[in-house]
């Protein structure tokens, strides 16, 4: 059995800015190209007085942790 030290389990998290670049289909909420939100650490924030479509948001959430850090070469 190999030893796993805490040092090998640490990683840095990147801050992400998620921006709508294009809209290819019908959507149920008012969304525009350029709408965005920020993902910093484990927190989501929006620009002042701007929302983001809940359905678009929930489709991106599973991908964000993988984009927020460098992946292990074995992943």
C-alpha atoms as a PDB file:
ATOM      1  CA  UNK A   1       0.000   0.000   0.000  1.00  0.00           C
ATOM      2  CA  UNK A   2       1.423   3.381  -0.945  1.00  0.00           C
ATOM      3  CA  UNK A   3       1.496   6.381   1.337  1.00  0.00           C
ATOM      4  CA  UNK A   4      -0.499   9.451   0.315  1.00  0.00           C
ATOM      5  CA  UNK A   5       0.820  12.576   1.962  1.00  0.00           C
ATOM      6  CA  UNK A   6      -1.298  15.693   2.366  1.00  0.00           C
ATOM      7  CA  UNK A   7       1.196  17.573   0.193  1.00  0.00           C
ATOM      8  CA  UNK A   8       0.302  15.398  -2.799  1.00  0.00           C
ATOM      9  CA  UNK A   9      -3.409  16.035  -2.276  1.00  0.00           C
ATOM     10  CA  UNK A  10      -3.233  19.862  -2.445  1.00  0.00           C
ATOM     11  CA  UNK A  11      -4.069  21.947  -5.490  1.00  0.00           C
ATOM     12  CA  UNK A  12      -4.803  25.539  -6.454  1.00  0.00           C
ATOM     13  CA  UNK A  13      -8.241  26.678  -7.570  1.00  0.00           C
ATOM     14  CA  UNK A  14      -8.567  29.079 -10.478  1.00  0.00           C
ATOM     15  CA  UNK A  15     -11.172  31.829 -10.539  1.00  0.00           C
ATOM     16  CA  UNK A  16     -13.446  31.403 -13.547  1.00  0.00           C
ATOM     17  CA  UNK A  17     -15.501  33.864 -15.563  1.00  0.00           C
ATOM     18  CA  UNK A  18     -18.252  32.095 -17.512  1.00  0.00           C
ATOM     19  CA  UNK A  19     -19.595  34.115 -20.463  1.00  0.00           C
ATOM     20  CA  UNK A  20     -22.394  33.338 -22.932  1.00  0.00           C
ATOM     21  CA  UNK A  21     -20.629  33.301 -26.330  1.00  0.00           C
ATOM     22  CA  UNK A  22     -23.490  32.071 -28.508  1.00  0.00           C
ATOM     23  CA  UNK A  23     -27.068  30.839 -28.274  1.00  0.00           C
ATOM     24  CA  UNK A  24     -27.925  27.988 -30.661  1.00  0.00           C
ATOM     25  CA  UNK A  25     -31.486  27.106 -29.740  1.00  0.00           C
ATOM     26  CA  UNK A  26     -34.662  28.305 -28.115  1.00  0.00           C
ATOM     27  CA  UNK A  27     -34.409  29.164 -24.454  1.00  0.00           C
ATOM     28  CA  UNK A  28     -36.973  29.790 -21.766  1.00  0.00           C
ATOM     29  CA  UNK A  29     -35.450  32.757 -20.016  1.00  0.00           C
ATOM     30  CA  UNK A  30     -34.130  36.053 -21.193  1.00  0.00           C
ATOM     31  CA  UNK A  31     -30.449  35.496 -21.911  1.00  0.00           C
ATOM     32  CA  UNK A  32     -28.088  37.514 -24.057  1.00  0.00           C
ATOM     33  CA  UNK A  33     -24.658  37.024 -25.527  1.00  0.00           C
ATOM     34  CA  UNK A  34     -22.217  38.524 -23.044  1.00  0.00           C
ATOM     35  CA  UNK A  35     -24.171  37.520 -19.933  1.00  0.00           C
ATOM     36  CA  UNK A  36     -21.757  36.118 -17.383  1.00  0.00           C
ATOM     37  CA  UNK A  37     -21.132  34.903 -13.874  1.00  0.00           C
ATOM     38  CA  UNK A  38     -18.039  34.297 -11.793  1.00  0.00           C
ATOM     39  CA  UNK A  39     -16.935  31.190  -9.927  1.00  0.00           C
ATOM     40  CA  UNK A  40     -14.384  31.936  -7.199  1.00  0.00           C
ATOM     41  CA  UNK A  41     -13.446  29.156  -4.834  1.00  0.00           C
ATOM     42  CA  UNK A  42     -16.781  27.532  -4.141  1.00  0.00           C
ATOM     43  CA  UNK A  43     -18.865  30.682  -4.596  1.00  0.00           C
ATOM     44  CA  UNK A  44     -20.880  31.931  -7.557  1.00  0.00           C
ATOM     45  CA  UNK A  45     -21.333  35.661  -8.061  1.00  0.00           C
ATOM     46  CA  UNK A  46     -23.029  37.792 -10.665  1.00  0.00           C
ATOM     47  CA  UNK A  47     -22.402  41.298 -11.915  1.00  0.00           C
ATOM     48  CA  UNK A  48     -24.568  43.974 -10.346  1.00  0.00           C
ATOM     49  CA  UNK A  49     -28.198  43.886 -11.526  1.00  0.00           C
ATOM     50  CA  UNK A  50     -27.580  40.900 -13.804  1.00  0.00           C
ATOM     51  CA  UNK A  51     -29.000  37.435 -13.443  1.00  0.00           C
ATOM     52  CA  UNK A  52     -28.245  34.239 -15.298  1.00  0.00           C
ATOM     53  CA  UNK A  53     -30.631  31.626 -16.653  1.00  0.00           C
ATOM     54  CA  UNK A  54     -31.085  28.885 -14.046  1.00  0.00           C
ATOM     55  CA  UNK A  55     -31.247  26.143 -16.701  1.00  0.00           C
ATOM     56  CA  UNK A  56     -28.028  27.284 -18.347  1.00  0.00           C
ATOM     57  CA  UNK A  57     -26.403  27.598 -14.928  1.00  0.00           C
ATOM     58  CA  UNK A  58     -27.335  24.086 -13.856  1.00  0.00           C
ATOM     59  CA  UNK A  59     -25.951  22.649 -17.088  1.00  0.00           C
ATOM     60  CA  UNK A  60     -22.544  24.223 -16.445  1.00  0.00           C
ATOM     61  CA  UNK A  61     -22.216  23.433 -12.734  1.00  0.00           C
ATOM     62  CA  UNK A  62     -20.926  19.836 -13.106  1.00  0.00           C
ATOM     63  CA  UNK A  63     -18.092  21.063 -15.364  1.00  0.00           C
ATOM     64  CA  UNK A  64     -16.796  23.919 -13.224  1.00  0.00           C
ATOM     65  CA  UNK A  65     -14.750  21.980 -10.624  1.00  0.00           C
ATOM     66  CA  UNK A  66     -12.801  20.266 -13.413  1.00  0.00           C
ATOM     67  CA  UNK A  67     -12.023  23.604 -15.081  1.00  0.00           C
ATOM     68  CA  UNK A  68     -11.100  25.231 -11.789  1.00  0.00           C
ATOM     69  CA  UNK A  69      -7.909  23.244 -11.236  1.00  0.00           C
ATOM     70  CA  UNK A  70      -5.204  21.349 -13.051  1.00  0.00           C
ATOM     71  CA  UNK A  71      -6.213  17.729 -13.375  1.00  0.00           C
ATOM     72  CA  UNK A  72      -4.080  14.882 -12.152  1.00  0.00           C
ATOM     73  CA  UNK A  73      -2.364  13.168 -15.123  1.00  0.00           C
ATOM     74  CA  UNK A  74      -4.103   9.939 -14.086  1.00  0.00           C
ATOM     75  CA  UNK A  75      -7.578  11.500 -14.396  1.00  0.00           C
END
